[in-house]
N, C-alpha and C. Protein backbone atom coordinates (compact mmCIF):
# COMPACT_ATOMS: atom_id res chain seq x y z
N UNK A 1 72.72 -26.20 38.14
CA UNK A 1 72.52 -24.84 38.53
C UNK A 1 72.27 -24.08 37.53
N UNK A 2 72.96 -23.84 36.52
CA UNK A 2 72.78 -22.57 35.17
C UNK A 2 71.24 -22.87 34.54
N UNK A 3 70.82 -24.10 34.98
CA UNK A 3 69.49 -24.13 34.36
C UNK A 3 68.73 -23.31 35.70
N UNK A 4 68.72 -23.97 37.08
CA UNK A 4 68.03 -23.72 38.34
C UNK A 4 67.73 -21.80 38.32
N UNK A 5 69.26 -21.53 37.92
CA UNK A 5 68.88 -19.91 37.78
C UNK A 5 67.48 -19.74 37.02
N UNK A 6 68.27 -19.20 35.32
CA UNK A 6 67.80 -19.02 34.45
C UNK A 6 66.20 -19.56 34.63
N UNK A 7 65.39 -20.80 35.37
CA UNK A 7 64.25 -20.70 36.15
C UNK A 7 63.73 -20.14 36.53
N UNK A 8 64.44 -19.53 37.99
CA UNK A 8 64.46 -18.50 38.74
C UNK A 8 64.25 -16.84 38.48
N UNK A 9 64.73 -16.90 37.44
CA UNK A 9 65.58 -15.39 36.57
C UNK A 9 63.74 -15.19 35.70
N UNK A 10 63.49 -16.04 34.82
CA UNK A 10 62.03 -16.58 34.47
C UNK A 10 61.13 -16.11 34.99
N UNK A 11 60.58 -16.77 36.59
CA UNK A 11 59.55 -16.42 37.65
C UNK A 11 59.44 -15.82 37.81
N UNK A 12 60.57 -15.15 38.10
CA UNK A 12 60.64 -14.06 38.75
C UNK A 12 59.70 -13.36 37.75
N UNK A 13 60.97 -13.08 36.90
CA UNK A 13 60.36 -11.70 35.57
C UNK A 13 59.27 -11.56 35.11
N UNK A 14 58.33 -13.05 34.99
CA UNK A 14 57.26 -13.13 34.75
C UNK A 14 55.93 -12.60 35.78
N UNK A 15 55.96 -13.22 36.79
CA UNK A 15 55.28 -12.31 38.20
C UNK A 15 55.01 -10.96 38.55
N UNK A 16 56.00 -10.46 37.50
CA UNK A 16 56.65 -9.32 37.74
C UNK A 16 55.90 -8.44 36.89
N UNK A 17 56.14 -9.22 35.78
CA UNK A 17 54.99 -8.88 34.50
C UNK A 17 54.05 -9.17 34.72
N UNK A 18 52.83 -9.90 35.60
CA UNK A 18 52.36 -10.02 35.73
C UNK A 18 51.06 -9.31 36.32
N UNK A 19 52.01 -8.42 37.61
CA UNK A 19 51.61 -7.70 37.96
C UNK A 19 52.02 -6.76 37.86
N UNK A 20 52.97 -5.98 36.92
CA UNK A 20 51.59 -5.07 35.83
C UNK A 20 50.92 -5.22 35.30
N UNK A 21 50.19 -6.33 34.63
CA UNK A 21 49.50 -6.86 33.73
C UNK A 21 48.48 -6.61 34.80
N UNK A 22 48.37 -6.55 35.48
CA UNK A 22 47.85 -6.41 36.64
C UNK A 22 46.92 -4.99 36.79
N UNK A 23 47.97 -4.97 37.47
CA UNK A 23 48.26 -2.81 37.68
C UNK A 23 46.98 -2.22 36.33
N UNK A 24 47.73 -2.54 35.04
CA UNK A 24 47.51 -1.97 34.05
C UNK A 24 45.75 -2.44 33.49
N UNK A 25 45.26 -3.19 34.36
CA UNK A 25 44.00 -4.51 33.98
C UNK A 25 42.33 -3.13 35.30
N UNK A 26 43.83 -3.33 35.31
CA UNK A 26 43.43 -1.76 37.52
C UNK A 26 42.56 -1.27 37.01
N UNK A 27 43.09 -0.42 35.78
CA UNK A 27 43.01 1.48 35.11
C UNK A 27 42.58 1.08 34.73
N UNK A 28 42.48 0.03 33.56
CA UNK A 28 41.41 0.16 32.57
C UNK A 28 40.48 -0.47 32.74
N UNK A 29 39.90 -1.35 33.94
CA UNK A 29 38.22 -1.34 34.33
C UNK A 29 37.94 -1.57 35.91
N UNK A 30 38.37 -0.54 36.22
CA UNK A 30 38.42 -0.35 37.17
C UNK A 30 37.17 -1.17 37.51
N UNK A 31 35.17 -1.64 37.69
CA UNK A 31 34.94 -2.06 38.43
C UNK A 31 34.24 -3.15 37.22
N UNK A 32 33.75 -3.83 37.45
CA UNK A 32 32.98 -5.12 36.91
C UNK A 32 33.75 -6.29 37.05
N UNK A 33 33.37 -6.83 36.33
CA UNK A 33 33.64 -8.43 36.31
C UNK A 33 35.10 -8.89 35.16
N UNK A 34 35.61 -8.02 34.47
CA UNK A 34 36.84 -8.30 34.21
C UNK A 34 38.07 -8.14 35.24
N UNK A 35 37.71 -6.99 36.09
CA UNK A 35 38.11 -6.57 37.27
C UNK A 35 38.48 -7.54 38.14
N UNK A 36 37.47 -7.90 38.94
CA UNK A 36 37.48 -8.91 39.82
C UNK A 36 37.77 -10.52 39.38
N UNK A 37 37.29 -10.40 37.65
CA UNK A 37 38.20 -11.39 37.14
C UNK A 37 40.59 -12.70 37.29
N UNK A 38 40.36 -10.68 36.96
CA UNK A 38 42.27 -11.11 37.33
C UNK A 38 42.64 -10.60 38.66
N UNK A 39 41.83 -9.87 39.39
CA UNK A 39 41.79 -9.75 40.76
C UNK A 39 41.64 -10.96 41.78
N UNK A 40 40.86 -12.12 41.17
CA UNK A 40 40.74 -13.53 42.31
C UNK A 40 42.31 -13.85 42.28
N UNK A 41 42.87 -14.43 43.31
CA UNK A 41 43.87 -14.99 44.00
C UNK A 41 43.84 -16.50 44.60
N UNK A 42 44.70 -17.15 44.82
CA UNK A 42 45.16 -18.48 45.22
C UNK A 42 45.89 -17.71 46.35
N UNK A 43 45.85 -17.80 47.66
CA UNK A 43 47.13 -17.83 48.40
C UNK A 43 47.71 -19.27 49.02
N UNK A 44 48.91 -18.90 48.94
CA UNK A 44 49.61 -20.65 48.88
C UNK A 44 50.85 -20.74 50.40
N UNK A 45 50.70 -21.53 51.16
CA UNK A 45 52.54 -21.17 51.53
C UNK A 45 52.22 -21.78 53.10
N UNK A 46 53.61 -20.51 53.80
CA UNK A 46 53.62 -21.02 55.19
C UNK A 46 52.66 -19.21 55.78
N UNK A 47 51.95 -19.75 56.58
CA UNK A 47 51.59 -18.08 57.39
C UNK A 47 53.07 -17.53 58.05
N UNK A 48 52.88 -16.05 58.36
CA UNK A 48 54.68 -16.34 58.89
C UNK A 48 54.03 -17.21 60.55
N UNK A 49 54.81 -17.30 61.35
CA UNK A 49 55.00 -17.79 62.38
C UNK A 49 55.83 -16.87 63.80
N UNK A 50 55.75 -16.71 64.15
CA UNK A 50 56.62 -16.21 65.00
C UNK A 50 56.88 -17.05 66.58
N UNK A 51 58.67 -17.07 66.36
CA UNK A 51 58.47 -18.29 67.39
C UNK A 51 59.90 -17.24 68.13
N UNK A 52 59.33 -18.00 69.63
CA UNK A 52 60.37 -16.52 70.81
C UNK A 52 60.95 -17.63 71.81
N UNK A 53 62.40 -17.22 71.34
CA UNK A 53 63.56 -17.53 71.99
C UNK A 53 63.68 -17.75 73.72
N UNK A 54 63.31 -16.36 74.14
CA UNK A 54 63.84 -15.19 74.82
C UNK A 54 64.60 -14.61 74.72
N UNK A 55 66.08 -15.32 74.06
CA UNK A 55 67.04 -14.19 73.59
C UNK A 55 67.13 -13.75 72.65
N UNK A 56 66.31 -14.35 71.64
CA UNK A 56 65.93 -13.88 70.27
C UNK A 56 64.94 -13.92 69.42
N UNK A 57 63.68 -13.27 68.92
CA UNK A 57 62.59 -13.44 68.77
C UNK A 57 62.15 -13.20 67.13
N UNK A 58 62.16 -14.03 66.00
CA UNK A 58 62.44 -14.17 64.75
C UNK A 58 61.04 -14.63 63.69
N UNK A 59 60.06 -14.33 63.06
CA UNK A 59 59.23 -13.92 62.49
C UNK A 59 59.41 -15.12 61.10
N UNK A 60 59.29 -16.02 60.17
CA UNK A 60 59.31 -17.06 59.51
C UNK A 60 57.85 -17.15 58.88
N UNK A 61 57.94 -16.65 57.27
CA UNK A 61 57.25 -16.78 56.52
C UNK A 61 56.91 -16.74 55.15
N UNK A 62 56.32 -17.26 54.69
CA UNK A 62 56.54 -17.46 52.59
C UNK A 62 55.16 -17.86 52.25
N UNK A 63 54.28 -16.85 51.58
CA UNK A 63 52.76 -17.34 50.99
C UNK A 63 53.15 -15.99 49.71
N UNK A 64 52.77 -17.04 49.00
CA UNK A 64 52.70 -17.30 46.89
C UNK A 64 51.50 -16.73 46.84
N UNK A 65 50.85 -15.42 45.92
CA UNK A 65 50.01 -15.35 46.10
C UNK A 65 49.78 -14.93 44.06
N UNK A 66 48.63 -16.06 43.85
CA UNK A 66 48.99 -16.64 42.39
C UNK A 66 47.68 -16.21 41.38
N UNK A 67 47.74 -14.85 40.18
CA UNK A 67 46.22 -14.75 40.25
C UNK A 67 46.30 -14.92 38.45
N UNK A 68 44.85 -14.57 38.05
CA UNK A 68 45.48 -15.03 36.09
C UNK A 68 46.51 -14.33 35.16
N UNK A 69 46.84 -12.77 35.94
CA UNK A 69 48.24 -11.64 35.39
C UNK A 69 49.15 -13.08 35.74
N UNK A 70 49.54 -12.89 37.18
CA UNK A 70 50.67 -13.53 37.63
C UNK A 70 50.91 -15.12 36.47
N UNK A 71 49.81 -15.69 36.56
CA UNK A 71 50.45 -17.30 35.66
C UNK A 71 50.38 -16.46 33.97
N UNK A 72 49.72 -15.93 33.75
CA UNK A 72 50.19 -14.98 32.31
C UNK A 72 51.35 -14.24 31.59
N UNK A 73 52.13 -13.63 33.10
CA UNK A 73 53.06 -12.91 33.24
C UNK A 73 54.41 -14.59 33.33
N UNK A 74 53.96 -15.06 33.79
CA UNK A 74 55.68 -16.20 33.61
C UNK A 74 55.55 -16.99 32.50
N UNK A 75 54.22 -17.53 32.04
CA UNK A 75 53.87 -18.09 30.64
C UNK A 75 55.02 -17.04 29.72
N UNK A 76 54.62 -15.61 29.61
CA UNK A 76 54.96 -14.79 28.53
C UNK A 76 56.16 -14.88 28.52
N UNK A 77 57.06 -14.88 30.16
CA UNK A 77 58.28 -14.91 30.45
C UNK A 77 58.92 -15.86 29.47
N UNK A 78 58.35 -16.91 29.73
CA UNK A 78 59.11 -18.53 29.67
C UNK A 78 58.69 -18.67 27.70
N UNK A 79 58.39 -17.70 27.45
CA UNK A 79 57.85 -17.57 25.68
C UNK A 79 59.09 -17.04 25.67
N UNK A 80 58.94 -15.21 25.69
CA UNK A 80 60.03 -14.56 25.21
C UNK A 80 61.93 -15.45 25.77
N UNK A 81 61.76 -16.11 26.73
CA UNK A 81 63.01 -16.70 27.25
C UNK A 81 63.24 -17.49 26.04
N UNK A 82 62.67 -18.52 25.49
CA UNK A 82 62.32 -19.14 25.14
C UNK A 82 63.50 -18.57 23.09
N UNK A 83 62.68 -17.59 23.18
CA UNK A 83 63.06 -16.85 22.26
C UNK A 83 64.75 -16.57 22.83
N UNK A 84 64.48 -15.85 22.80
CA UNK A 84 66.11 -15.04 23.62
C UNK A 84 67.66 -16.02 23.53
N UNK A 85 66.97 -17.91 24.14
CA UNK A 85 67.96 -19.15 23.93
C UNK A 85 68.26 -19.26 22.43
N UNK A 86 67.03 -19.34 21.84
CA UNK A 86 66.95 -20.34 20.24
C UNK A 86 68.42 -20.02 20.00
């Protein structure tokens, strides 16, 4: 259980680092090949679906957005975690 929590924390922190890297790259390189390379992403998951049961209506969905910056952020967070646990 403890390992699953640590892996989840590393993925979440790494994704946040990746989003930060992506924003910094967008500021430094507003147009061009580098910006388009880092902004290219792959969306995967379940698209939002609405369920209507007459009494209650709810929407379910979960979409993950992967790009180069988020993958690098997760990798960097894993390296930092490995150094801290050592």
